[in-house]
Amino acid sequence: MTSAATALSELHRALDSPRGPGVAAGNWRWTVRQQMKAVRALLMLESEHPDDAWLSARRGMALRERRALLARIGQLEPKVLQCPDLEDVRNQGLRLLTDINHHLQRLRDMAYDDVELELGGSD
C-alpha cells in the first residue's frame, strides 16, 4: 500500500514530466492515468463512519468533499487519455492535486483535534 504523500508526489511528478507529440504524449497520458488511479484508491480508503459526535459535522463535510474529489478524478481520467490540449489537462490535474492536499490537511486537522480533546487540550 502506498502512502498518500507518495501517491500525490508520484502524480505530481507524472504531471510535470515532459509532454511531447506522438509516443511521448501517449506515455505521459498513460503514466498520469495510472498515478490518478493510485490517488483515487487512497481517497476510497477514507473512513465513512464518524466516531465522535462533536466532529460529525466536520466529518460529514469531509465526506462530501471526498465525493466531489472522486467525481473530479472520474471526469479528468478520460480527458487525460483523449483531450488534445495536454497543457489544459496538466493544469486541471495540478489544481486537483492542490485540492486533494487541502482535503488531506483538513483530515489531519480533525485527527489532531480528536486527539487533543481526548488528552485534555492545552488547558
PDB file of N, CA and C in Angstrom:
ATOM      1  N   MET A   1       0.845  -1.184   0.000  1.00  0.00           N
ATOM      2  CA  MET A   1       0.000   0.000   0.000  1.00  0.00           C
ATOM      3  C   MET A   1       0.887   1.243   0.000  1.00  0.00           C
ATOM      4  N   THR A   2       0.517   2.205  -0.792  1.00  0.00           N
ATOM      5  CA  THR A   2       1.276   3.432  -0.922  1.00  0.00           C
ATOM      6  C   THR A   2       0.742   4.471   0.048  1.00  0.00           C
ATOM      7  N   SER A   3       1.621   5.291   0.552  1.00  0.00           N
ATOM      8  CA  SER A   3       1.165   6.371   1.421  1.00  0.00           C
ATOM      9  C   SER A   3       0.583   7.486   0.562  1.00  0.00           C
ATOM     10  N   ALA A   4      -0.228   8.313   1.197  1.00  0.00           N
ATOM     11  CA  ALA A   4      -0.858   9.413   0.477  1.00  0.00           C
ATOM     12  C   ALA A   4       0.193  10.367  -0.084  1.00  0.00           C
ATOM     13  N   ALA A   5       1.206  10.656   0.717  1.00  0.00           N
ATOM     14  CA  ALA A   5       2.249  11.583   0.257  1.00  0.00           C
ATOM     15  C   ALA A   5       2.971  11.032  -0.966  1.00  0.00           C
ATOM     16  N   THR A   6       3.248   9.729  -0.964  1.00  0.00           N
ATOM     17  CA  THR A   6       3.930   9.115  -2.092  1.00  0.00           C
ATOM     18  C   THR A   6       3.052   9.143  -3.333  1.00  0.00           C
ATOM     19  N   ALA A   7       1.789   8.782  -3.183  1.00  0.00           N
ATOM     20  CA  ALA A   7       0.877   8.766  -4.332  1.00  0.00           C
ATOM     21  C   ALA A   7       0.721  10.161  -4.930  1.00  0.00           C
ATOM     22  N   LEU A   8       0.568  11.167  -4.074  1.00  0.00           N
ATOM     23  CA  LEU A   8       0.422  12.536  -4.566  1.00  0.00           C
ATOM     24  C   LEU A   8       1.710  13.025  -5.219  1.00  0.00           C
ATOM     25  N   SER A   9       2.837  12.673  -4.621  1.00  0.00           N
ATOM     26  CA  SER A   9       4.123  13.060  -5.195  1.00  0.00           C
ATOM     27  C   SER A   9       4.335  12.416  -6.566  1.00  0.00           C
ATOM     28  N   GLU A  10       3.979  11.151  -6.686  1.00  0.00           N
ATOM     29  CA  GLU A  10       4.131  10.452  -7.969  1.00  0.00           C
ATOM     30  C   GLU A  10       3.217  11.049  -9.035  1.00  0.00           C
ATOM     31  N   LEU A  11       1.995  11.419  -8.655  1.00  0.00           N
ATOM     32  CA  LEU A  11       1.101  12.060  -9.622  1.00  0.00           C
ATOM     33  C   LEU A  11       1.653  13.418 -10.033  1.00  0.00           C
ATOM     34  N   HIS A  12       2.169  14.170  -9.072  1.00  0.00           N
ATOM     35  CA  HIS A  12       2.747  15.473  -9.393  1.00  0.00           C
ATOM     36  C   HIS A  12       3.939  15.313 -10.333  1.00  0.00           C
ATOM     37  N   ARG A  13       4.778  14.341 -10.051  1.00  0.00           N
ATOM     38  CA  ARG A  13       5.937  14.069 -10.904  1.00  0.00           C
ATOM     39  C   ARG A  13       5.485  13.686 -12.324  1.00  0.00           C
ATOM     40  N   ALA A  14       4.453  12.860 -12.416  1.00  0.00           N
ATOM     41  CA  ALA A  14       3.941  12.451 -13.725  1.00  0.00           C
ATOM     42  C   ALA A  14       3.378  13.646 -14.495  1.00  0.00           C
ATOM     43  N   LEU A  15       2.646  14.518 -13.786  1.00  0.00           N
ATOM     44  CA  LEU A  15       2.083  15.697 -14.452  1.00  0.00           C
ATOM     45  C   LEU A  15       3.171  16.640 -14.944  1.00  0.00           C
ATOM     46  N   ASP A  16       4.274  16.706 -14.206  1.00  0.00           N
ATOM     47  CA  ASP A  16       5.366  17.608 -14.578  1.00  0.00           C
ATOM     48  C   ASP A  16       6.343  17.011 -15.579  1.00  0.00           C
ATOM     49  N   SER A  17       6.219  15.717 -15.863  1.00  0.00           N
ATOM     50  CA  SER A  17       7.161  15.108 -16.797  1.00  0.00           C
ATOM     51  C   SER A  17       6.931  15.657 -18.210  1.00  0.00           C
ATOM     52  N   PRO A  18       7.940  15.566 -19.058  1.00  0.00           N
ATOM     53  CA  PRO A  18       7.826  16.132 -20.410  1.00  0.00           C
ATOM     54  C   PRO A  18       6.668  15.532 -21.197  1.00  0.00           C
ATOM     55  N   ARG A  19       5.972  16.415 -21.880  1.00  0.00           N
ATOM     56  CA  ARG A  19       4.876  16.027 -22.746  1.00  0.00           C
ATOM     57  C   ARG A  19       5.239  16.457 -24.154  1.00  0.00           C
ATOM     58  N   GLY A  20       5.310  15.545 -25.046  1.00  0.00           N
ATOM     59  CA  GLY A  20       5.635  15.877 -26.424  1.00  0.00           C
ATOM     60  C   GLY A  20       4.664  15.196 -27.360  1.00  0.00           C
ATOM     61  N   PRO A  21       4.856  15.377 -28.633  1.00  0.00           N
ATOM     62  CA  PRO A  21       3.961  14.750 -29.600  1.00  0.00           C
ATOM     63  C   PRO A  21       4.230  13.246 -29.714  1.00  0.00           C
ATOM     64  N   GLY A  22       3.262  12.537 -30.230  1.00  0.00           N
ATOM     65  CA  GLY A  22       3.442  11.123 -30.557  1.00  0.00           C
ATOM     66  C   GLY A  22       3.565  10.224 -29.357  1.00  0.00           C
ATOM     67  N   VAL A  23       4.610   9.407 -29.370  1.00  0.00           N
ATOM     68  CA  VAL A  23       4.821   8.396 -28.334  1.00  0.00           C
ATOM     69  C   VAL A  23       5.004   9.045 -26.961  1.00  0.00           C
ATOM     70  N   ALA A  24       5.706  10.168 -26.888  1.00  0.00           N
ATOM     71  CA  ALA A  24       5.925  10.839 -25.599  1.00  0.00           C
ATOM     72  C   ALA A  24       4.592  11.245 -24.976  1.00  0.00           C
ATOM     73  N   ALA A  25       3.663  11.756 -25.781  1.00  0.00           N
ATOM     74  CA  ALA A  25       2.349  12.145 -25.266  1.00  0.00           C
ATOM     75  C   ALA A  25       1.587  10.919 -24.785  1.00  0.00           C
ATOM     76  N   GLY A  26       1.669   9.833 -25.521  1.00  0.00           N
ATOM     77  CA  GLY A  26       0.995   8.598 -25.120  1.00  0.00           C
ATOM     78  C   GLY A  26       1.539   8.051 -23.814  1.00  0.00           C
ATOM     79  N   ASN A  27       2.850   8.079 -23.662  1.00  0.00           N
ATOM     80  CA  ASN A  27       3.471   7.628 -22.412  1.00  0.00           C
ATOM     81  C   ASN A  27       3.062   8.524 -21.250  1.00  0.00           C
ATOM     82  N   TRP A  28       3.057   9.833 -21.490  1.00  0.00           N
ATOM     83  CA  TRP A  28       2.667  10.785 -20.458  1.00  0.00           C
ATOM     84  C   TRP A  28       1.237  10.514 -20.025  1.00  0.00           C
ATOM     85  N   ARG A  29       0.342  10.361 -20.984  1.00  0.00           N
ATOM     86  CA  ARG A  29      -1.072  10.116 -20.685  1.00  0.00           C
ATOM     87  C   ARG A  29      -1.237   8.849 -19.841  1.00  0.00           C
ATOM     88  N   TRP A  30      -0.560   7.783 -20.244  1.00  0.00           N
ATOM     89  CA  TRP A  30      -0.691   6.517 -19.540  1.00  0.00           C
ATOM     90  C   TRP A  30      -0.141   6.627 -18.115  1.00  0.00           C
ATOM     91  N   THR A  31       1.007   7.257 -17.960  1.00  0.00           N
ATOM     92  CA  THR A  31       1.615   7.397 -16.630  1.00  0.00           C
ATOM     93  C   THR A  31       0.727   8.226 -15.709  1.00  0.00           C
ATOM     94  N   VAL A  32       0.219   9.341 -16.216  1.00  0.00           N
ATOM     95  CA  VAL A  32      -0.664  10.190 -15.407  1.00  0.00           C
ATOM     96  C   VAL A  32      -1.909   9.413 -15.005  1.00  0.00           C
ATOM     97  N   ARG A  33      -2.482   8.695 -15.936  1.00  0.00           N
ATOM     98  CA  ARG A  33      -3.702   7.922 -15.646  1.00  0.00           C
ATOM     99  C   ARG A  33      -3.444   6.882 -14.552  1.00  0.00           C
ATOM    100  N   GLN A  34      -2.322   6.193 -14.623  1.00  0.00           N
ATOM    101  CA  GLN A  34      -2.003   5.191 -13.607  1.00  0.00           C
ATOM    102  C   GLN A  34      -1.809   5.831 -12.228  1.00  0.00           C
ATOM    103  N   GLN A  35      -1.169   6.981 -12.186  1.00  0.00           N
ATOM    104  CA  GLN A  35      -0.966   7.661 -10.902  1.00  0.00           C
ATOM    105  C   GLN A  35      -2.290   8.190 -10.347  1.00  0.00           C
ATOM    106  N   MET A  36      -3.191   8.603 -11.241  1.00  0.00           N
ATOM    107  CA  MET A  36      -4.514   9.049 -10.785  1.00  0.00           C
ATOM    108  C   MET A  36      -5.273   7.893 -10.142  1.00  0.00           C
ATOM    109  N   LYS A  37      -5.108   6.694 -10.676  1.00  0.00           N
ATOM    110  CA  LYS A  37      -5.768   5.525 -10.082  1.00  0.00           C
ATOM    111  C   LYS A  37      -5.267   5.282  -8.661  1.00  0.00           C
ATOM    112  N   ALA A  38      -3.968   5.467  -8.440  1.00  0.00           N
ATOM    113  CA  ALA A  38      -3.406   5.281  -7.099  1.00  0.00           C
ATOM    114  C   ALA A  38      -3.978   6.313  -6.124  1.00  0.00           C
ATOM    115  N   VAL A  39      -4.104   7.552  -6.567  1.00  0.00           N
ATOM    116  CA  VAL A  39      -4.667   8.606  -5.718  1.00  0.00           C
ATOM    117  C   VAL A  39      -6.138   8.311  -5.438  1.00  0.00           C
ATOM    118  N   ARG A  40      -6.870   7.873  -6.451  1.00  0.00           N
ATOM    119  CA  ARG A  40      -8.282   7.516  -6.266  1.00  0.00           C
ATOM    120  C   ARG A  40      -8.410   6.407  -5.219  1.00  0.00           C
ATOM    121  N   ALA A  41      -7.565   5.395  -5.305  1.00  0.00           N
ATOM    122  CA  ALA A  41      -7.619   4.276  -4.361  1.00  0.00           C
ATOM    123  C   ALA A  41      -7.399   4.760  -2.929  1.00  0.00           C
ATOM    124  N   LEU A  42      -6.480   5.694  -2.738  1.00  0.00           N
ATOM    125  CA  LEU A  42      -6.238   6.220  -1.392  1.00  0.00           C
ATOM    126  C   LEU A  42      -7.432   7.004  -0.865  1.00  0.00           C
ATOM    127  N   LEU A  43      -8.060   7.780  -1.727  1.00  0.00           N
ATOM    128  CA  LEU A  43      -9.244   8.521  -1.286  1.00  0.00           C
ATOM    129  C   LEU A  43     -10.382   7.570  -0.925  1.00  0.00           C
ATOM    130  N   MET A  44     -10.464   6.460  -1.611  1.00  0.00           N
ATOM    131  CA  MET A  44     -11.524   5.487  -1.339  1.00  0.00           C
ATOM    132  C   MET A  44     -11.340   4.822   0.032  1.00  0.00           C
ATOM    133  N   LEU A  45     -10.130   4.825   0.561  1.00  0.00           N
ATOM    134  CA  LEU A  45      -9.860   4.172   1.841  1.00  0.00           C
ATOM    135  C   LEU A  45     -10.289   4.987   3.057  1.00  0.00           C
ATOM    136  N   GLU A  46     -10.643   6.251   2.847  1.00  0.00           N
ATOM    137  CA  GLU A  46     -11.048   7.083   3.979  1.00  0.00           C
ATOM    138  C   GLU A  46     -12.254   6.481   4.680  1.00  0.00           C
ATOM    139  N   SER A  47     -12.287   6.630   5.980  1.00  0.00           N
ATOM    140  CA  SER A  47     -13.400   6.118   6.776  1.00  0.00           C
ATOM    141  C   SER A  47     -14.652   6.942   6.523  1.00  0.00           C
ATOM    142  N   GLU A  48     -15.778   6.265   6.467  1.00  0.00           N
ATOM    143  CA  GLU A  48     -17.049   6.955   6.273  1.00  0.00           C
ATOM    144  C   GLU A  48     -17.875   6.994   7.556  1.00  0.00           C
ATOM    145  N   HIS A  49     -17.312   6.538   8.652  1.00  0.00           N
ATOM    146  CA  HIS A  49     -18.072   6.451   9.895  1.00  0.00           C
ATOM    147  C   HIS A  49     -17.504   7.403  10.936  1.00  0.00           C
ATOM    148  N   PRO A  50     -18.221   8.491  11.223  1.00  0.00           N
ATOM    149  CA  PRO A  50     -17.739   9.409  12.261  1.00  0.00           C
ATOM    150  C   PRO A  50     -17.743   8.727  13.622  1.00  0.00           C
ATOM    151  N   ASP A  51     -16.659   8.932  14.359  1.00  0.00           N
ATOM    152  CA  ASP A  51     -16.517   8.305  15.665  1.00  0.00           C
ATOM    153  C   ASP A  51     -17.122   9.154  16.777  1.00  0.00           C
ATOM    154  N   ASP A  52     -16.867  10.435  16.750  1.00  0.00           N
ATOM    155  CA  ASP A  52     -17.317  11.313  17.824  1.00  0.00           C
ATOM    156  C   ASP A  52     -18.377  12.272  17.301  1.00  0.00           C
ATOM    157  N   ALA A  53     -19.385  12.473  18.115  1.00  0.00           N
ATOM    158  CA  ALA A  53     -20.482  13.349  17.714  1.00  0.00           C
ATOM    159  C   ALA A  53     -20.005  14.785  17.481  1.00  0.00           C
ATOM    160  N   TRP A  54     -19.060  15.237  18.280  1.00  0.00           N
ATOM    161  CA  TRP A  54     -18.636  16.635  18.151  1.00  0.00           C
ATOM    162  C   TRP A  54     -17.887  16.893  16.851  1.00  0.00           C
ATOM    163  N   LEU A  55     -17.370  15.853  16.228  1.00  0.00           N
ATOM    164  CA  LEU A  55     -16.681  16.003  14.941  1.00  0.00           C
ATOM    165  C   LEU A  55     -17.554  15.567  13.760  1.00  0.00           C
ATOM    166  N   SER A  56     -18.771  15.123  14.023  1.00  0.00           N
ATOM    167  CA  SER A  56     -19.572  14.538  12.954  1.00  0.00           C
ATOM    168  C   SER A  56     -19.884  15.533  11.839  1.00  0.00           C
ATOM    169  N   ALA A  57     -20.114  16.792  12.161  1.00  0.00           N
ATOM    170  CA  ALA A  57     -20.388  17.774  11.104  1.00  0.00           C
ATOM    171  C   ALA A  57     -19.162  17.971  10.215  1.00  0.00           C
ATOM    172  N   ARG A  58     -17.996  18.060  10.828  1.00  0.00           N
ATOM    173  CA  ARG A  58     -16.767  18.219  10.040  1.00  0.00           C
ATOM    174  C   ARG A  58     -16.472  16.965   9.233  1.00  0.00           C
ATOM    175  N   ARG A  59     -16.733  15.805   9.809  1.00  0.00           N
ATOM    176  CA  ARG A  59     -16.519  14.553   9.069  1.00  0.00           C
ATOM    177  C   ARG A  59     -17.495  14.451   7.902  1.00  0.00           C
ATOM    178  N   GLY A  60     -18.728  14.883   8.112  1.00  0.00           N
ATOM    179  CA  GLY A  60     -19.709  14.886   7.025  1.00  0.00           C
ATOM    180  C   GLY A  60     -19.263  15.791   5.889  1.00  0.00           C
ATOM    181  N   MET A  61     -18.733  16.954   6.231  1.00  0.00           N
ATOM    182  CA  MET A  61     -18.223  17.869   5.221  1.00  0.00           C
ATOM    183  C   MET A  61     -17.043  17.235   4.478  1.00  0.00           C
ATOM    184  N   ALA A  62     -16.179  16.543   5.218  1.00  0.00           N
ATOM    185  CA  ALA A  62     -15.021  15.896   4.599  1.00  0.00           C
ATOM    186  C   ALA A  62     -15.462  14.783   3.647  1.00  0.00           C
ATOM    187  N   LEU A  63     -16.504  14.059   4.016  1.00  0.00           N
ATOM    188  CA  LEU A  63     -17.009  13.007   3.131  1.00  0.00           C
ATOM    189  C   LEU A  63     -17.601  13.596   1.852  1.00  0.00           C
ATOM    190  N   ARG A  64     -18.332  14.700   1.975  1.00  0.00           N
ATOM    191  CA  ARG A  64     -18.870  15.370   0.775  1.00  0.00           C
ATOM    192  C   ARG A  64     -17.735  15.872  -0.104  1.00  0.00           C
ATOM    193  N   GLU A  65     -16.721  16.423   0.532  1.00  0.00           N
ATOM    194  CA  GLU A  65     -15.560  16.913  -0.214  1.00  0.00           C
ATOM    195  C   GLU A  65     -14.852  15.750  -0.917  1.00  0.00           C
ATOM    196  N   ARG A  66     -14.717  14.633  -0.221  1.00  0.00           N
ATOM    197  CA  ARG A  66     -14.075  13.462  -0.821  1.00  0.00           C
ATOM    198  C   ARG A  66     -14.865  12.986  -2.032  1.00  0.00           C
ATOM    199  N   ARG A  67     -16.197  12.932  -1.904  1.00  0.00           N
ATOM    200  CA  ARG A  67     -17.023  12.509  -3.043  1.00  0.00           C
ATOM    201  C   ARG A  67     -16.832  13.447  -4.223  1.00  0.00           C
ATOM    202  N   ALA A  68     -16.748  14.735  -3.963  1.00  0.00           N
ATOM    203  CA  ALA A  68     -16.537  15.707  -5.042  1.00  0.00           C
ATOM    204  C   ALA A  68     -15.170  15.513  -5.691  1.00  0.00           C
ATOM    205  N   LEU A  69     -14.149  15.244  -4.881  1.00  0.00           N
ATOM    206  CA  LEU A  69     -12.812  15.000  -5.433  1.00  0.00           C
ATOM    207  C   LEU A  69     -12.786  13.733  -6.279  1.00  0.00           C
ATOM    208  N   LEU A  70     -13.459  12.695  -5.804  1.00  0.00           N
ATOM    209  CA  LEU A  70     -13.528  11.455  -6.578  1.00  0.00           C
ATOM    210  C   LEU A  70     -14.266  11.685  -7.900  1.00  0.00           C
ATOM    211  N   ALA A  71     -15.307  12.497  -7.862  1.00  0.00           N
ATOM    212  CA  ALA A  71     -16.030  12.814  -9.096  1.00  0.00           C
ATOM    213  C   ALA A  71     -15.128  13.583 -10.069  1.00  0.00           C
ATOM    214  N   ARG A  72     -14.346  14.518  -9.535  1.00  0.00           N
ATOM    215  CA  ARG A  72     -13.417  15.265 -10.399  1.00  0.00           C
ATOM    216  C   ARG A  72     -12.369  14.354 -11.013  1.00  0.00           C
ATOM    217  N   ILE A  73     -11.875  13.393 -10.231  1.00  0.00           N
ATOM    218  CA  ILE A  73     -10.919  12.431 -10.781  1.00  0.00           C
ATOM    219  C   ILE A  73     -11.597  11.648 -11.905  1.00  0.00           C
ATOM    220  N   GLY A  74     -12.829  11.220 -11.662  1.00  0.00           N
ATOM    221  CA  GLY A  74     -13.575  10.487 -12.673  1.00  0.00           C
ATOM    222  C   GLY A  74     -13.801  11.282 -13.950  1.00  0.00           C
ATOM    223  N   GLN A  75     -13.986  12.580 -13.824  1.00  0.00           N
ATOM    224  CA  GLN A  75     -14.164  13.434 -15.001  1.00  0.00           C
ATOM    225  C   GLN A  75     -12.841  13.678 -15.713  1.00  0.00           C
ATOM    226  N   LEU A  76     -11.755  13.737 -14.969  1.00  0.00           N
ATOM    227  CA  LEU A  76     -10.459  14.044 -15.568  1.00  0.00           C
ATOM    228  C   LEU A  76      -9.808  12.821 -16.216  1.00  0.00           C
ATOM    229  N   GLU A  77     -10.068  11.638 -15.698  1.00  0.00           N
ATOM    230  CA  GLU A  77      -9.422  10.438 -16.236  1.00  0.00           C
ATOM    231  C   GLU A  77      -9.608  10.264 -17.745  1.00  0.00           C
ATOM    232  N   PRO A  78     -10.827  10.373 -18.293  1.00  0.00           N
ATOM    233  CA  PRO A  78     -10.956  10.221 -19.748  1.00  0.00           C
ATOM    234  C   PRO A  78     -10.274  11.357 -20.522  1.00  0.00           C
ATOM    235  N   LYS A  79     -10.269  12.551 -19.935  1.00  0.00           N
ATOM    236  CA  LYS A  79      -9.599  13.675 -20.596  1.00  0.00           C
ATOM    237  C   LYS A  79      -8.107  13.431 -20.732  1.00  0.00           C
ATOM    238  N   VAL A  80      -7.534  12.790 -19.714  1.00  0.00           N
ATOM    239  CA  VAL A  80      -6.100  12.504 -19.753  1.00  0.00           C
ATOM    240  C   VAL A  80      -5.768  11.683 -20.996  1.00  0.00           C
ATOM    241  N   LEU A  81      -6.624  10.742 -21.318  1.00  0.00           N
ATOM    242  CA  LEU A  81      -6.353   9.866 -22.455  1.00  0.00           C
ATOM    243  C   LEU A  81      -6.802  10.442 -23.797  1.00  0.00           C
ATOM    244  N   GLN A  82      -7.745  11.395 -23.798  1.00  0.00           N
ATOM    245  CA  GLN A  82      -8.351  11.810 -25.054  1.00  0.00           C
ATOM    246  C   GLN A  82      -8.171  13.273 -25.436  1.00  0.00           C
ATOM    247  N   CYS A  83      -8.060  14.162 -24.479  1.00  0.00           N
ATOM    248  CA  CYS A  83      -8.038  15.596 -24.773  1.00  0.00           C
ATOM    249  C   CYS A  83      -6.768  15.976 -25.543  1.00  0.00           C
ATOM    250  N   PRO A  84      -6.911  16.708 -26.646  1.00  0.00           N
ATOM    251  CA  PRO A  84      -5.729  17.098 -27.415  1.00  0.00           C
ATOM    252  C   PRO A  84      -4.882  18.173 -26.721  1.00  0.00           C
ATOM    253  N   ASP A  85      -5.482  18.948 -25.811  1.00  0.00           N
ATOM    254  CA  ASP A  85      -4.767  20.025 -25.127  1.00  0.00           C
ATOM    255  C   ASP A  85      -4.146  19.496 -23.833  1.00  0.00           C
ATOM    256  N   LEU A  86      -2.919  18.992 -23.937  1.00  0.00           N
ATOM    257  CA  LEU A  86      -2.260  18.391 -22.776  1.00  0.00           C
ATOM    258  C   LEU A  86      -1.981  19.411 -21.679  1.00  0.00           C
ATOM    259  N   GLU A  87      -1.719  20.644 -22.047  1.00  0.00           N
ATOM    260  CA  GLU A  87      -1.437  21.665 -21.038  1.00  0.00           C
ATOM    261  C   GLU A  87      -2.669  21.938 -20.181  1.00  0.00           C
ATOM    262  N   ASP A  88      -3.846  21.936 -20.804  1.00  0.00           N
ATOM    263  CA  ASP A  88      -5.084  22.124 -20.055  1.00  0.00           C
ATOM    264  C   ASP A  88      -5.309  20.949 -19.096  1.00  0.00           C
ATOM    265  N   VAL A  89      -5.073  19.737 -19.573  1.00  0.00           N
ATOM    266  CA  VAL A  89      -5.215  18.556 -18.730  1.00  0.00           C
ATOM    267  C   VAL A  89      -4.235  18.625 -17.573  1.00  0.00           C
ATOM    268  N   ARG A  90      -3.014  19.014 -17.852  1.00  0.00           N
ATOM    269  CA  ARG A  90      -1.989  19.142 -16.811  1.00  0.00           C
ATOM    270  C   ARG A  90      -2.420  20.165 -15.757  1.00  0.00           C
ATOM    271  N   ASN A  91      -2.911  21.319 -16.195  1.00  0.00           N
ATOM    272  CA  ASN A  91      -3.350  22.355 -15.258  1.00  0.00           C
ATOM    273  C   ASN A  91      -4.518  21.877 -14.402  1.00  0.00           C
ATOM    274  N   GLN A  92      -5.463  21.162 -15.011  1.00  0.00           N
ATOM    275  CA  GLN A  92      -6.581  20.618 -14.234  1.00  0.00           C
ATOM    276  C   GLN A  92      -6.070  19.595 -13.211  1.00  0.00           C
ATOM    277  N   GLY A  93      -5.103  18.793 -13.622  1.00  0.00           N
ATOM    278  CA  GLY A  93      -4.523  17.809 -12.712  1.00  0.00           C
ATOM    279  C   GLY A  93      -3.806  18.466 -11.548  1.00  0.00           C
ATOM    280  N   LEU A  94      -3.067  19.521 -11.816  1.00  0.00           N
ATOM    281  CA  LEU A  94      -2.362  20.228 -10.745  1.00  0.00           C
ATOM    282  C   LEU A  94      -3.342  20.887  -9.782  1.00  0.00           C
ATOM    283  N   ARG A  95      -4.433  21.436 -10.311  1.00  0.00           N
ATOM    284  CA  ARG A  95      -5.456  22.049  -9.457  1.00  0.00           C
ATOM    285  C   ARG A  95      -6.104  20.987  -8.567  1.00  0.00           C
ATOM    286  N   LEU A  96      -6.379  19.829  -9.167  1.00  0.00           N
ATOM    287  CA  LEU A  96      -6.944  18.720  -8.412  1.00  0.00           C
ATOM    288  C   LEU A  96      -5.996  18.279  -7.299  1.00  0.00           C
ATOM    289  N   LEU A  97      -4.708  18.194  -7.607  1.00  0.00           N
ATOM    290  CA  LEU A  97      -3.717  17.835  -6.590  1.00  0.00           C
ATOM    291  C   LEU A  97      -3.731  18.819  -5.420  1.00  0.00           C
ATOM    292  N   THR A  98      -3.795  20.088  -5.725  1.00  0.00           N
ATOM    293  CA  THR A  98      -3.849  21.113  -4.677  1.00  0.00           C
ATOM    294  C   THR A  98      -5.080  20.918  -3.804  1.00  0.00           C
ATOM    295  N   ASP A  99      -6.216  20.671  -4.435  1.00  0.00           N
ATOM    296  CA  ASP A  99      -7.453  20.481  -3.672  1.00  0.00           C
ATOM    297  C   ASP A  99      -7.403  19.208  -2.830  1.00  0.00           C
ATOM    298  N   ILE A 100      -6.794  18.153  -3.349  1.00  0.00           N
ATOM    299  CA  ILE A 100      -6.653  16.916  -2.573  1.00  0.00           C
ATOM    300  C   ILE A 100      -5.728  17.149  -1.379  1.00  0.00           C
ATOM    301  N   ASN A 101      -4.652  17.884  -1.586  1.00  0.00           N
ATOM    302  CA  ASN A 101      -3.753  18.212  -0.468  1.00  0.00           C
ATOM    303  C   ASN A 101      -4.487  18.998   0.610  1.00  0.00           C
ATOM    304  N   HIS A 102      -5.323  19.948   0.223  1.00  0.00           N
ATOM    305  CA  HIS A 102      -6.104  20.709   1.204  1.00  0.00           C
ATOM    306  C   HIS A 102      -7.066  19.795   1.953  1.00  0.00           C
ATOM    307  N   HIS A 103      -7.694  18.886   1.232  1.00  0.00           N
ATOM    308  CA  HIS A 103      -8.614  17.929   1.849  1.00  0.00           C
ATOM    309  C   HIS A 103      -7.874  17.067   2.881  1.00  0.00           C
ATOM    310  N   LEU A 104      -6.725  16.548   2.503  1.00  0.00           N
ATOM    311  CA  LEU A 104      -5.957  15.711   3.422  1.00  0.00           C
ATOM    312  C   LEU A 104      -5.486  16.496   4.637  1.00  0.00           C
ATOM    313  N   GLN A 105      -5.170  17.770   4.460  1.00  0.00           N
ATOM    314  CA  GLN A 105      -4.783  18.597   5.599  1.00  0.00           C
ATOM    315  C   GLN A 105      -5.958  18.771   6.556  1.00  0.00           C
ATOM    316  N   ARG A 106      -7.153  18.965   6.012  1.00  0.00           N
ATOM    317  CA  ARG A 106      -8.329  19.078   6.881  1.00  0.00           C
ATOM    318  C   ARG A 106      -8.547  17.776   7.666  1.00  0.00           C
ATOM    319  N   LEU A 107      -8.307  16.623   7.027  1.00  0.00           N
ATOM    320  CA  LEU A 107      -8.435  15.352   7.737  1.00  0.00           C
ATOM    321  C   LEU A 107      -7.406  15.245   8.861  1.00  0.00           C
ATOM    322  N   ARG A 108      -6.182  15.682   8.585  1.00  0.00           N
ATOM    323  CA  ARG A 108      -5.149  15.659   9.633  1.00  0.00           C
ATOM    324  C   ARG A 108      -5.526  16.606  10.769  1.00  0.00           C
ATOM    325  N   ASP A 109      -6.089  17.756  10.444  1.00  0.00           N
ATOM    326  CA  ASP A 109      -6.533  18.700  11.477  1.00  0.00           C
ATOM    327  C   ASP A 109      -7.624  18.079  12.349  1.00  0.00           C
ATOM    328  N   MET A 110      -8.559  17.367  11.726  1.00  0.00           N
ATOM    329  CA  MET A 110      -9.616  16.715  12.502  1.00  0.00           C
ATOM    330  C   MET A 110      -9.035  15.649  13.417  1.00  0.00           C
ATOM    331  N   ALA A 111      -8.096  14.883  12.914  1.00  0.00           N
ATOM    332  CA  ALA A 111      -7.464  13.843  13.734  1.00  0.00           C
ATOM    333  C   ALA A 111      -6.744  14.476  14.922  1.00  0.00           C
ATOM    334  N   TYR A 112      -6.067  15.594  14.674  1.00  0.00           N
ATOM    335  CA  TYR A 112      -5.374  16.294  15.754  1.00  0.00           C
ATOM    336  C   TYR A 112      -6.384  16.797  16.784  1.00  0.00           C
ATOM    337  N   ASP A 113      -7.472  17.401  16.311  1.00  0.00           N
ATOM    338  CA  ASP A 113      -8.492  17.916  17.230  1.00  0.00           C
ATOM    339  C   ASP A 113      -9.094  16.788  18.059  1.00  0.00           C
ATOM    340  N   ASP A 114      -9.278  15.637  17.452  1.00  0.00           N
ATOM    341  CA  ASP A 114      -9.846  14.481  18.160  1.00  0.00           C
ATOM    342  C   ASP A 114      -8.903  14.029  19.275  1.00  0.00           C
ATOM    343  N   VAL A 115      -7.622  13.940  18.981  1.00  0.00           N
ATOM    344  CA  VAL A 115      -6.634  13.525  19.984  1.00  0.00           C
ATOM    345  C   VAL A 115      -6.492  14.598  21.061  1.00  0.00           C
ATOM    346  N   GLU A 116      -6.505  15.841  20.652  1.00  0.00           N
ATOM    347  CA  GLU A 116      -6.371  16.931  21.619  1.00  0.00           C
ATOM    348  C   GLU A 116      -7.504  16.900  22.626  1.00  0.00           C
ATOM    349  N   LEU A 117      -8.731  16.627  22.158  1.00  0.00           N
ATOM    350  CA  LEU A 117      -9.868  16.551  23.075  1.00  0.00           C
ATOM    351  C   LEU A 117      -9.691  15.389  24.042  1.00  0.00           C
ATOM    352  N   GLU A 118      -9.240  14.228  23.534  1.00  0.00           N
ATOM    353  CA  GLU A 118      -9.065  13.065  24.390  1.00  0.00           C
ATOM    354  C   GLU A 118      -7.999  13.293  25.457  1.00  0.00           C
ATOM    355  N   LEU A 119      -6.955  14.050  25.118  1.00  0.00           N
ATOM    356  CA  LEU A 119      -5.860  14.277  26.058  1.00  0.00           C
ATOM    357  C   LEU A 119      -6.084  15.484  26.950  1.00  0.00           C
ATOM    358  N   GLY A 120      -7.138  16.225  26.719  1.00  0.00           N
ATOM    359  CA  GLY A 120      -7.452  17.330  27.600  1.00  0.00           C
ATOM    360  C   GLY A 120      -7.072  18.686  27.037  1.00  0.00           C
ATOM    361  N   GLY A 121      -6.568  18.756  25.842  1.00  0.00           N
ATOM    362  CA  GLY A 121      -6.269  20.037  25.212  1.00  0.00           C
ATOM    363  C   GLY A 121      -5.133  20.761  25.873  1.00  0.00           C
ATOM    364  N   SER A 122      -5.114  22.082  25.715  1.00  0.00           N
ATOM    365  CA  SER A 122      -3.999  22.891  26.203  1.00  0.00           C
ATOM    366  C   SER A 122      -4.276  23.543  27.552  1.00  0.00           C
ATOM    367  N   ASP A 123      -5.413  23.263  28.143  1.00  0.00           N
ATOM    368  CA  ASP A 123      -5.747  23.922  29.418  1.00  0.00           C
ATOM    369  C   ASP A 123      -5.004  23.363  30.570  1.00  0.00           C
TER     370      ASP A 123
END
